[in-house]
C-alpha cells in the first residue's frame, strides 16, 4: 500500500513539473518570437530611415529640434 502512495505522489510531482516546464517553455518561445520581430523591425528601419519633419541633407535642423546659428 505504501508503494502505491509513493508512485501516486511521484506521478503527481512529475505531472506538475512537466506542466511548469511547458508553461515556461511557451514563455521563452514567445519572448524569442518578440525579440526576432523587434530585430527585424529595427533592421528594416535602419535600411529605410523615415525622414522627420522637413529635414534634408542641406538643412538638417528643420524639424530636428536642435539649435542652429543659421536662423
C-alpha atoms as a PDB file:
ATOM      1  CA  UNK A   1       0.000   0.000   0.000  1.00  0.00           C
ATOM      2  CA  UNK A   2       2.896   2.336   0.759  1.00  0.00           C
ATOM      3  CA  UNK A   3       4.331   1.776  -2.737  1.00  0.00           C
ATOM      4  CA  UNK A   4       1.010   2.830  -4.267  1.00  0.00           C
ATOM      5  CA  UNK A   5       1.062   6.181  -2.461  1.00  0.00           C
ATOM      6  CA  UNK A   6       4.706   6.708  -3.317  1.00  0.00           C
ATOM      7  CA  UNK A   7       4.001   6.066  -7.012  1.00  0.00           C
ATOM      8  CA  UNK A   8       0.939   8.333  -6.915  1.00  0.00           C
ATOM      9  CA  UNK A   9       2.966  11.126  -5.328  1.00  0.00           C
ATOM     10  CA  UNK A  10       5.755  10.665  -7.885  1.00  0.00           C
ATOM     11  CA  UNK A  11       3.305  10.789 -10.802  1.00  0.00           C
ATOM     12  CA  UNK A  12       1.696  13.909  -9.349  1.00  0.00           C
ATOM     13  CA  UNK A  13       5.040  15.655  -8.903  1.00  0.00           C
ATOM     14  CA  UNK A  14       6.177  14.726 -12.409  1.00  0.00           C
ATOM     15  CA  UNK A  15       2.899  15.961 -13.883  1.00  0.00           C
ATOM     16  CA  UNK A  16       3.219  19.299 -12.090  1.00  0.00           C
ATOM     17  CA  UNK A  17       6.872  19.625 -13.103  1.00  0.00           C
ATOM     18  CA  UNK A  18       6.028  18.877 -16.739  1.00  0.00           C
ATOM     19  CA  UNK A  19       3.222  21.450 -16.674  1.00  0.00           C
ATOM     20  CA  UNK A  20       5.551  24.103 -15.269  1.00  0.00           C
ATOM     21  CA  UNK A  21       8.216  23.233 -17.817  1.00  0.00           C
ATOM     22  CA  UNK A  22       5.758  23.533 -20.702  1.00  0.00           C
ATOM     23  CA  UNK A  23       4.487  26.874 -19.383  1.00  0.00           C
ATOM     24  CA  UNK A  24       7.988  28.295 -19.084  1.00  0.00           C
ATOM     25  CA  UNK A  25       8.974  26.894 -22.494  1.00  0.00           C
ATOM     26  CA  UNK A  26       5.963  28.646 -24.021  1.00  0.00           C
ATOM     27  CA  UNK A  27       7.017  31.940 -22.405  1.00  0.00           C
ATOM     28  CA  UNK A  28      10.556  31.559 -23.724  1.00  0.00           C
ATOM     29  CA  UNK A  29       9.284  30.794 -27.234  1.00  0.00           C
ATOM     30  CA  UNK A  30       7.036  33.868 -27.162  1.00  0.00           C
ATOM     31  CA  UNK A  31       9.891  36.042 -25.927  1.00  0.00           C
ATOM     32  CA  UNK A  32      12.192  34.742 -28.681  1.00  0.00           C
ATOM     33  CA  UNK A  33       9.494  35.494 -31.258  1.00  0.00           C
ATOM     34  CA  UNK A  34       9.121  39.055 -29.946  1.00  0.00           C
ATOM     35  CA  UNK A  35      12.887  39.591 -29.956  1.00  0.00           C
ATOM     36  CA  UNK A  36      13.118  38.306 -33.518  1.00  0.00           C
ATOM     37  CA  UNK A  37      10.299  40.600 -34.657  1.00  0.00           C
ATOM     38  CA  UNK A  38      11.910  43.568 -32.897  1.00  0.00           C
ATOM     39  CA  UNK A  39      15.259  42.891 -34.556  1.00  0.00           C
ATOM     40  CA  UNK A  40      13.617  42.558 -37.980  1.00  0.00           C
ATOM     41  CA  UNK A  41      11.699  45.801 -37.494  1.00  0.00           C
ATOM     42  CA  UNK A  42      14.806  47.631 -36.297  1.00  0.00           C
ATOM     43  CA  UNK A  43      16.933  46.409 -39.197  1.00  0.00           C
ATOM     44  CA  UNK A  44      14.179  47.362 -41.658  1.00  0.00           C
ATOM     45  CA  UNK A  45      14.013  50.813 -40.087  1.00  0.00           C
ATOM     46  CA  UNK A  46      17.772  51.219 -40.397  1.00  0.00           C
ATOM     47  CA  UNK A  47      17.694  50.125 -44.042  1.00  0.00           C
ATOM     48  CA  UNK A  48      14.895  52.608 -44.892  1.00  0.00           C
ATOM     49  CA  UNK A  49      15.004  55.526 -42.441  1.00  0.00           C
ATOM     50  CA  UNK A  50      11.893  57.649 -42.188  1.00  0.00           C
ATOM     51  CA  UNK A  51      12.607  61.388 -42.596  1.00  0.00           C
ATOM     52  CA  UNK A  52      11.437  63.583 -39.727  1.00  0.00           C
ATOM     53  CA  UNK A  53       9.680  66.847 -40.491  1.00  0.00           C
ATOM     54  CA  UNK A  54      11.265  68.845 -43.307  1.00  0.00           C
ATOM     55  CA  UNK A  55      14.827  67.744 -42.604  1.00  0.00           C
ATOM     56  CA  UNK A  56      17.059  67.473 -45.640  1.00  0.00           C
ATOM     57  CA  UNK A  57      20.793  66.859 -46.009  1.00  0.00           C
ATOM     58  CA  UNK A  58      21.210  70.569 -46.843  1.00  0.00           C
ATOM     59  CA  UNK A  59      19.191  71.721 -43.807  1.00  0.00           C
ATOM     60  CA  UNK A  60      19.267  69.025 -41.106  1.00  0.00           C
ATOM     61  CA  UNK A  61      17.990  71.288 -38.333  1.00  0.00           C
ATOM     62  CA  UNK A  62      14.476  71.822 -39.713  1.00  0.00           C
ATOM     63  CA  UNK A  63      12.147  69.535 -37.785  1.00  0.00           C
ATOM     64  CA  UNK A  64      15.053  68.053 -35.877  1.00  0.00           C
ATOM     65  CA  UNK A  65      14.642  70.255 -32.838  1.00  0.00           C
ATOM     66  CA  UNK A  66      18.321  71.171 -32.497  1.00  0.00           C
ATOM     67  CA  UNK A  67      19.788  74.663 -32.197  1.00  0.00           C
ATOM     68  CA  UNK A  68      21.195  76.317 -35.305  1.00  0.00           C
ATOM     69  CA  UNK A  69      23.039  79.591 -35.885  1.00  0.00           C
ATOM     70  CA  UNK A  70      21.589  79.818 -39.410  1.00  0.00           C
ATOM     71  CA  UNK A  71      18.291  81.309 -38.193  1.00  0.00           C
END
